[in-house]
Protein backbone atom coordinates (compact mmCIF):
# COMPACT_ATOMS: atom_id res chain seq x y z
CA MET A 1 69.04 99.70 -38.68
CA ARG A 2 66.76 98.38 -41.38
CA THR A 3 63.37 96.98 -40.40
CA LEU A 4 60.52 95.63 -42.47
CA THR A 5 57.08 97.12 -42.11
CA ASP A 6 54.01 94.94 -41.65
CA THR A 7 52.30 93.59 -44.73
CA PRO A 8 49.17 95.60 -45.52
CA ASN A 9 45.85 93.75 -45.65
CA ALA A 10 45.02 92.48 -49.10
CA HIS A 11 41.99 94.06 -50.70
CA LYS A 12 39.14 91.58 -50.67
CA SER A 13 37.36 90.92 -53.97
CA PRO A 14 33.62 91.61 -54.19
CA LEU A 15 31.30 88.92 -52.90
CA TRP A 16 29.80 88.15 -56.32
CA THR A 17 33.24 87.24 -57.71
CA ARG A 18 33.61 84.56 -55.03
CA LEU A 19 30.39 82.73 -55.94
CA PRO A 20 31.07 79.12 -57.01
CA VAL A 21 30.45 79.31 -60.75
CA VAL A 22 31.64 82.92 -61.10
CA HIS A 23 34.85 82.10 -59.27
CA GLN A 24 35.62 79.17 -61.59
CA LEU A 25 34.74 81.28 -64.62
CA ARG A 26 37.27 83.93 -63.56
CA GLN A 27 39.90 81.24 -63.03
CA SER A 28 39.47 79.68 -66.47
CA VAL A 29 41.40 80.83 -69.54
CA GLY A 30 41.49 80.07 -73.25
CA LEU A 31 39.75 76.93 -74.50
CA GLN A 32 38.83 75.95 -70.96
CA ARG A 33 36.88 79.18 -70.49
CA GLY A 34 35.18 78.69 -73.85
CA MET A 35 34.05 75.18 -72.88
CA LEU A 36 32.73 76.44 -69.55
CA VAL A 37 30.85 79.34 -71.15
CA VAL A 38 29.27 77.10 -73.80
CA GLY A 39 28.26 74.60 -71.14
CA LEU A 40 26.76 77.30 -68.92
CA VAL A 41 24.80 78.78 -71.84
CA LEU A 42 23.35 75.42 -72.92
CA THR A 43 22.54 74.43 -69.34
CA GLY A 44 21.01 77.85 -68.64
CA ILE A 45 18.77 77.62 -71.72
CA PHE A 46 17.66 74.16 -70.63
CA ILE A 47 16.82 75.30 -67.08
CA LEU A 48 14.98 78.42 -68.25
CA THR A 49 13.01 76.40 -70.81
CA ALA A 50 11.95 73.95 -68.11
CA ILE A 51 10.91 76.75 -65.74
CA PHE A 52 8.94 78.73 -68.30
CA ALA A 53 7.57 75.75 -70.27
CA PRO A 54 3.91 76.73 -69.69
CA LEU A 55 4.63 80.15 -71.22
CA LEU A 56 6.88 79.00 -74.09
CA ALA A 57 4.96 75.98 -75.33
CA PRO A 58 2.27 76.88 -77.89
CA TYR A 59 0.19 73.83 -76.96
CA GLY A 60 -0.12 71.29 -74.16
CA PHE A 61 2.09 68.20 -74.19
CA SER A 62 -0.93 65.94 -74.87
CA GLN A 63 -3.02 68.39 -76.89
CA LEU A 64 -4.25 66.98 -80.20
CA ARG A 65 -6.58 69.72 -81.46
CA ASP A 66 -7.31 73.42 -81.18
CA ASP A 67 -10.21 75.64 -82.20
CA ASN A 68 -9.59 74.83 -85.86
CA GLY A 69 -9.89 71.09 -85.36
CA PRO A 70 -7.41 68.20 -85.03
CA PHE A 71 -3.73 68.94 -85.70
CA GLY A 72 -3.21 66.04 -88.08
CA ALA A 73 -0.40 63.49 -88.04
CA GLN A 74 3.11 64.00 -89.44
CA GLN A 75 2.57 67.53 -90.69
CA GLU A 76 5.70 69.25 -92.00
CA PRO A 77 7.28 72.11 -90.01
CA GLY A 78 5.72 75.48 -90.65
CA GLY A 79 2.52 77.40 -90.15
CA ASP A 80 0.86 76.73 -86.83
CA HIS A 81 3.35 73.96 -86.04
CA LEU A 82 6.89 75.33 -86.32
CA LEU A 83 8.53 71.91 -85.86
CA GLY A 84 5.72 69.83 -87.35
CA THR A 85 3.59 67.14 -85.68
CA THR A 86 4.26 63.54 -84.66
CA VAL A 87 2.67 60.34 -85.91
CA GLY A 88 0.28 60.56 -82.98
CA GLY A 89 -0.72 64.11 -83.87
CA TYR A 90 1.19 65.93 -81.10
CA ASP A 91 2.96 69.24 -81.72
CA VAL A 92 6.72 68.53 -81.80
CA LEU A 93 7.78 71.93 -80.44
CA SER A 94 5.42 71.65 -77.48
CA ARG A 95 6.58 68.11 -76.72
CA VAL A 96 10.23 69.21 -76.78
CA ILE A 97 9.59 72.17 -74.47
CA TRP A 98 7.47 70.21 -72.01
CA GLY A 99 10.02 67.39 -72.11
CA SER A 100 12.62 69.68 -70.59
CA GLN A 101 10.41 70.08 -67.52
CA THR A 102 10.10 66.31 -67.10
CA ALA A 103 13.83 65.82 -67.62
CA ILE A 104 14.96 68.40 -65.06
CA THR A 105 12.47 67.12 -62.48
CA VAL A 106 13.73 63.54 -62.77
CA MET A 107 17.37 64.67 -62.77
CA VAL A 108 17.04 66.78 -59.63
CA VAL A 109 15.00 64.19 -57.69
CA ALA A 110 17.31 61.33 -58.70
CA VAL A 111 20.59 63.10 -57.97
CA VAL A 112 19.38 64.60 -54.67
CA LEU A 113 18.11 61.22 -53.43
CA SER A 114 21.31 59.46 -54.47
CA ILE A 115 23.46 62.14 -52.80
CA PHE A 116 21.66 61.82 -49.47
CA ALA A 117 21.68 58.02 -49.52
CA GLY A 118 25.22 57.65 -50.86
CA VAL A 119 26.72 60.26 -48.52
CA ALA A 120 25.01 58.80 -45.44
CA LEU A 121 26.07 55.23 -46.22
CA GLY A 122 29.61 56.24 -47.18
CA LEU A 123 30.05 58.34 -44.05
CA VAL A 124 28.87 55.60 -41.69
CA SER A 125 30.80 52.88 -43.51
CA GLY A 126 34.09 54.77 -43.66
CA TYR A 127 33.94 56.12 -40.11
CA PHE A 128 32.95 53.02 -38.17
CA GLY A 129 34.46 50.32 -40.42
CA GLY A 130 34.22 46.74 -39.21
CA TRP A 131 31.64 44.25 -40.42
CA LEU A 132 29.19 47.02 -41.40
CA ASP A 133 31.77 48.49 -43.76
CA ARG A 134 32.44 45.13 -45.38
CA VAL A 135 28.74 44.40 -45.89
CA LEU A 136 28.02 47.83 -47.43
CA VAL A 137 31.06 47.61 -49.71
CA VAL A 138 29.99 44.19 -51.02
CA ILE A 139 26.41 45.37 -51.63
CA CYS A 140 27.49 48.55 -53.44
CA ASP A 141 30.03 46.66 -55.53
CA ALA A 142 27.33 44.17 -56.52
CA VAL A 143 24.97 46.97 -57.53
CA TYR A 144 27.76 48.79 -59.37
CA ALA A 145 28.55 45.64 -61.38
CA PHE A 146 25.12 45.68 -63.07
CA PRO A 147 24.72 47.67 -66.29
CA PRO A 148 23.04 50.96 -65.25
CA LEU A 149 20.25 50.85 -67.83
CA LEU A 150 19.43 47.20 -67.10
CA LEU A 151 19.27 47.91 -63.38
CA ALA A 152 17.05 50.94 -64.01
CA ILE A 153 14.72 48.79 -66.14
CA VAL A 154 14.41 46.19 -63.40
CA MET A 155 13.75 48.83 -60.76
CA GLY A 156 11.24 50.58 -63.03
CA ILE A 157 9.29 47.35 -63.49
CA VAL A 158 9.36 46.62 -59.76
CA ILE A 159 8.27 50.13 -58.78
CA SER A 160 5.68 51.02 -61.40
CA GLY A 161 5.09 47.93 -63.52
CA GLY A 162 6.67 49.70 -66.50
CA ARG A 163 3.85 52.22 -67.02
CA SER A 164 3.06 55.21 -64.85
CA ASN A 165 1.27 58.51 -64.67
CA LEU A 166 3.11 61.82 -64.26
CA TRP A 167 4.33 61.75 -60.66
CA GLY A 168 4.37 57.98 -60.47
CA GLY A 169 6.54 57.83 -63.56
CA ILE A 170 8.83 60.62 -62.34
CA LEU A 171 9.33 58.95 -58.97
CA ALA A 172 9.79 55.53 -60.55
CA ALA A 173 12.41 56.85 -62.99
CA ALA A 174 14.10 58.92 -60.27
CA ILE A 175 14.28 56.03 -57.81
CA SER A 176 15.55 53.71 -60.55
CA ILE A 177 18.35 56.16 -61.37
CA THR A 178 19.01 56.72 -57.65
CA VAL A 179 19.80 53.03 -57.16
CA VAL A 180 22.32 53.27 -60.01
CA PHE A 181 24.08 56.36 -58.59
CA ILE A 182 24.25 55.46 -54.88
CA PRO A 183 27.41 53.30 -55.26
CA GLN A 184 29.27 56.18 -56.92
CA TYR A 185 28.65 58.60 -54.06
CA PHE A 186 29.23 55.81 -51.54
CA ARG A 187 32.69 55.06 -52.92
CA VAL A 188 33.80 58.69 -53.00
CA ILE A 189 32.55 59.59 -49.51
CA ARG A 190 33.80 56.36 -47.95
CA ALA A 191 37.32 56.84 -49.34
CA GLU A 192 37.43 60.46 -48.16
CA THR A 193 36.07 59.51 -44.72
CA VAL A 194 38.71 56.81 -44.24
CA ARG A 195 41.42 59.34 -45.10
CA ILE A 196 40.05 62.22 -43.05
CA LYS A 197 39.32 60.27 -39.84
CA ALA A 198 43.07 59.62 -39.51
CA GLU A 199 43.93 63.33 -39.61
CA ALA A 200 45.35 65.02 -36.54
CA TYR A 201 42.44 67.40 -36.01
CA VAL A 202 39.98 64.48 -35.91
CA GLU A 203 42.15 62.71 -33.34
CA SER A 204 42.33 65.93 -31.32
CA ALA A 205 38.54 66.26 -31.34
CA ARG A 206 38.23 62.66 -30.18
CA VAL A 207 40.74 63.25 -27.35
CA LEU A 208 38.83 66.34 -26.24
CA GLY A 209 35.74 64.19 -25.78
CA ALA A 210 33.72 65.04 -28.90
CA SER A 211 31.04 62.49 -29.72
CA ASN A 212 31.09 60.38 -32.87
CA GLY A 213 28.12 62.27 -34.27
CA ARG A 214 29.79 65.63 -33.77
CA ILE A 215 33.05 64.44 -35.33
CA MET A 216 31.25 62.89 -38.30
CA PHE A 217 29.06 65.86 -39.16
CA ARG A 218 31.24 68.73 -37.91
CA HIS A 219 34.70 67.65 -39.03
CA VAL A 220 34.54 64.71 -41.44
CA LEU A 221 31.44 65.45 -43.54
CA ARG A 222 32.40 69.04 -44.24
CA ASN A 223 35.75 68.02 -45.74
CA ALA A 224 34.57 64.82 -47.43
CA THR A 225 31.91 66.46 -49.62
CA ARG A 226 34.07 68.97 -51.48
CA THR A 227 34.01 66.95 -54.72
CA LEU A 228 30.23 66.41 -54.72
CA PRO A 229 29.42 69.42 -57.00
CA LEU A 230 31.65 67.89 -59.67
CA ILE A 231 30.00 64.46 -59.37
CA PHE A 232 26.58 66.13 -59.34
CA THR A 233 27.09 67.76 -62.74
CA LEU A 234 28.50 64.62 -64.34
CA ASN A 235 25.74 62.39 -62.93
CA ALA A 236 23.02 64.80 -64.01
CA SER A 237 23.85 64.11 -67.66
CA GLU A 238 23.91 60.36 -66.97
CA ALA A 239 20.49 60.64 -65.33
CA LEU A 240 19.07 62.29 -68.44
CA LEU A 241 20.49 59.56 -70.68
CA THR A 242 19.10 56.86 -68.38
CA LEU A 243 15.67 58.51 -68.41
CA ALA A 244 15.76 58.77 -72.21
CA GLY A 245 16.83 55.11 -72.42
CA LEU A 246 13.92 54.01 -70.25
CA GLY A 247 11.48 55.98 -72.39
CA PHE A 248 13.02 54.72 -75.62
CA ILE A 249 12.51 51.07 -74.75
CA GLY A 250 8.98 51.63 -73.49
CA PHE A 251 9.43 51.86 -69.72
CA GLY A 252 9.00 55.61 -69.47
CA ILE A 253 6.11 57.91 -68.72
CA GLU A 254 2.90 57.62 -70.70
CA PRO A 255 2.50 60.38 -73.35
CA SER A 256 -0.85 61.44 -71.92
CA SER A 257 0.78 62.08 -68.53
CA ALA A 258 3.94 63.98 -69.50
CA ALA A 259 6.25 64.68 -72.42
CA GLU A 260 9.43 62.60 -72.49
CA TRP A 261 12.12 62.79 -75.18
CA GLY A 262 13.02 59.10 -75.13
CA TYR A 263 9.43 58.04 -75.73
CA ASP A 264 9.11 60.49 -78.64
CA LEU A 265 12.26 59.04 -80.20
CA ASN A 266 10.85 55.54 -79.92
CA LYS A 267 7.65 56.52 -81.73
CA SER A 268 9.60 58.26 -84.50
CA LEU A 269 11.68 55.24 -85.57
CA ALA A 270 9.26 54.28 -88.32
CA ASP A 271 9.13 57.90 -89.54
CA VAL A 272 12.88 58.00 -90.31
CA THR A 273 12.61 55.30 -93.00
CA SER A 274 9.73 57.21 -94.60
CA GLY A 275 11.68 60.46 -94.92
CA ILE A 276 9.87 62.16 -92.03
CA TRP A 277 12.90 63.61 -90.21
CA TRP A 278 11.42 66.23 -87.91
CA THR A 279 9.74 63.86 -85.45
CA SER A 280 13.10 62.36 -84.41
CA LEU A 281 15.55 65.21 -85.06
CA PHE A 282 14.34 67.72 -82.48
CA PRO A 283 13.87 65.40 -79.47
CA GLY A 284 17.24 63.81 -80.21
CA LEU A 285 18.88 67.21 -80.62
CA ALA A 286 17.44 68.31 -77.28
CA ILE A 287 19.00 65.30 -75.54
CA VAL A 288 22.38 65.88 -77.19
CA LEU A 289 22.54 69.60 -76.40
CA VAL A 290 21.48 69.22 -72.77
CA VAL A 291 23.91 66.37 -72.13
CA LEU A 292 26.67 68.29 -73.91
CA GLY A 293 26.04 71.43 -71.86
CA ILE A 294 25.98 69.67 -68.49
CA THR A 295 29.04 67.56 -69.41
CA LEU A 296 31.05 70.63 -70.45
CA VAL A 297 30.25 72.33 -67.15
CA GLY A 298 31.19 69.24 -65.16
CA GLU A 299 34.43 68.60 -67.03
CA SER A 300 35.47 72.25 -66.81
CA LEU A 301 34.82 72.38 -63.06
CA ASN A 302 36.73 69.13 -62.67
CA ASP A 303 39.75 70.59 -64.49
CA LEU A 304 39.64 73.80 -62.47
CA ALA A 305 39.59 71.80 -59.25
CA ASP A 306 43.05 70.49 -60.14
CA PRO A 307 45.58 72.64 -58.21
CA ARG A 308 48.06 72.37 -61.08
CA LEU A 309 45.76 74.45 -63.29
CA ARG A 310 45.26 77.29 -60.80
CA SER A 311 48.64 78.89 -61.59
CA ARG A 312 47.96 79.28 -65.30
CA ARG A 313 48.02 82.79 -66.64
CA ALA A 314 45.90 84.26 -69.36
CA PRO A 315 47.71 84.90 -72.67
CA GLY A 316 49.65 88.17 -72.58
CA LYS A 317 49.92 88.23 -68.79
CA THR A 318 53.24 87.47 -67.17
CA ALA A 319 53.89 86.19 -63.71
CA PRO A 320 54.99 88.84 -61.19
CA ALA A 321 58.72 89.26 -60.73
CA PRO A 322 60.16 87.49 -57.70
CA ALA A 323 60.94 89.58 -54.67
CA THR A 324 64.51 90.86 -54.27
CA PRO A 325 66.43 89.37 -51.35
CA VAL A 326 67.30 91.92 -48.70
CA GLU A 327 70.55 91.62 -46.76
CA VAL A 328 69.88 91.89 -43.06
CA ARG A 329 72.55 93.87 -41.17
CA ASP A 330 73.30 94.33 -37.52
CA PRO A 331 73.11 97.75 -35.78
CA ALA A 332 76.74 98.50 -36.83
CA GLY A 333 75.90 98.14 -40.49
CA ARG A 334 77.68 94.84 -41.01
CA ILE A 335 76.13 91.77 -42.56
CA ASP A 336 74.97 89.67 -39.62
CA PRO A 337 76.35 86.10 -39.84
CA SER A 338 75.20 85.05 -36.38
CA GLY A 339 71.58 84.38 -37.24
CA ILE A 340 70.23 86.82 -34.64
CA TYR A 341 69.13 89.36 -37.22
CA GLY A 342 69.25 86.97 -40.19
CA SER A 343 71.83 85.11 -42.23
CA ILE A 344 73.46 85.38 -45.63
CA SER A 345 72.48 81.83 -46.57
CA THR A 346 68.80 82.44 -45.83
CA PRO A 347 68.23 86.12 -46.59
CA ARG A 348 64.92 87.62 -45.64
CA VAL A 349 62.73 88.66 -48.54
CA ARG A 350 61.19 92.07 -48.68
CA PRO A 351 57.56 91.73 -49.88
CA ALA A 352 56.71 93.76 -52.95
CA GLY A 353 55.44 97.26 -52.21
CA LEU A 354 57.04 97.61 -48.78
CA GLU A 355 59.51 100.35 -47.93
CA SER A 356 62.24 100.18 -45.33
CA ASN A 357 62.74 102.64 -42.49
CA SER A 358 66.22 103.78 -41.58
């Protein structure tokens, strides 16, 4: 009589290979992997530059002179100023490096605030429904209908009067961007909550006497927030563009309080017509590279989250051969048609690597 042995336990991969970004990197192949690697490199350089800005920047963001005297305005790249100086006499390289610190601070504060507010409102609205749901949906739709930059300008004027010091400007810009992003998180979490609260396991928890708070945070929230990392990466690049837009039109942080790329671009407009290219090129290039890096990471993670892409194989690798059907016989050695030991129409499949015992 033929019997099938138990399936051996699969060997678990090391813990580091199951980390979020590492896991997606191992899943990706071809052009998709290249996009993810480029995005991770650009984003990593941006984060490291922001962290080590005090060590990398040759001068302070508002420094206008050193031991040799004033820097001078619109000096060409080279010598003591590798990327030249601005019309105001600031060192361009130092302003670009310090600007990364301002950008990442505003991005993190804005996205974290919008996640907490959007998730909380979406969870409550989708779970309880009723008049509260209708009111929140109308408010978020109204906010979402405004152009993001225009809404950020209005909020910036209301919060800080359009001009702020370092932390005042960071909080004003972050809160302005938060108001723009809350409807996006609200919509996603509300839709997921409405779907999940109708699942059988949520109904079972309700029948067993679980409270609304326990169901919301233990069962619904955990499953409704799986797409947030993807939205986080995509919104981070939008936050940087919004911050640069606020600075470009004059509602950003004062140059004596912090370095901000949008403000530097605004002050370099007149230089472009005079042939002075370095004051606008490097801040603009910093914005483009950072947004490109974060966008590539977000789009790659979004593609890898699609289940249809998980079965792709790397070039040169073939899919494993299907298992060979095994005819199940009765103790007399005959093919069993009764269905007690198996059937011809639905043969049992011997898993690969298993041996039979006679």
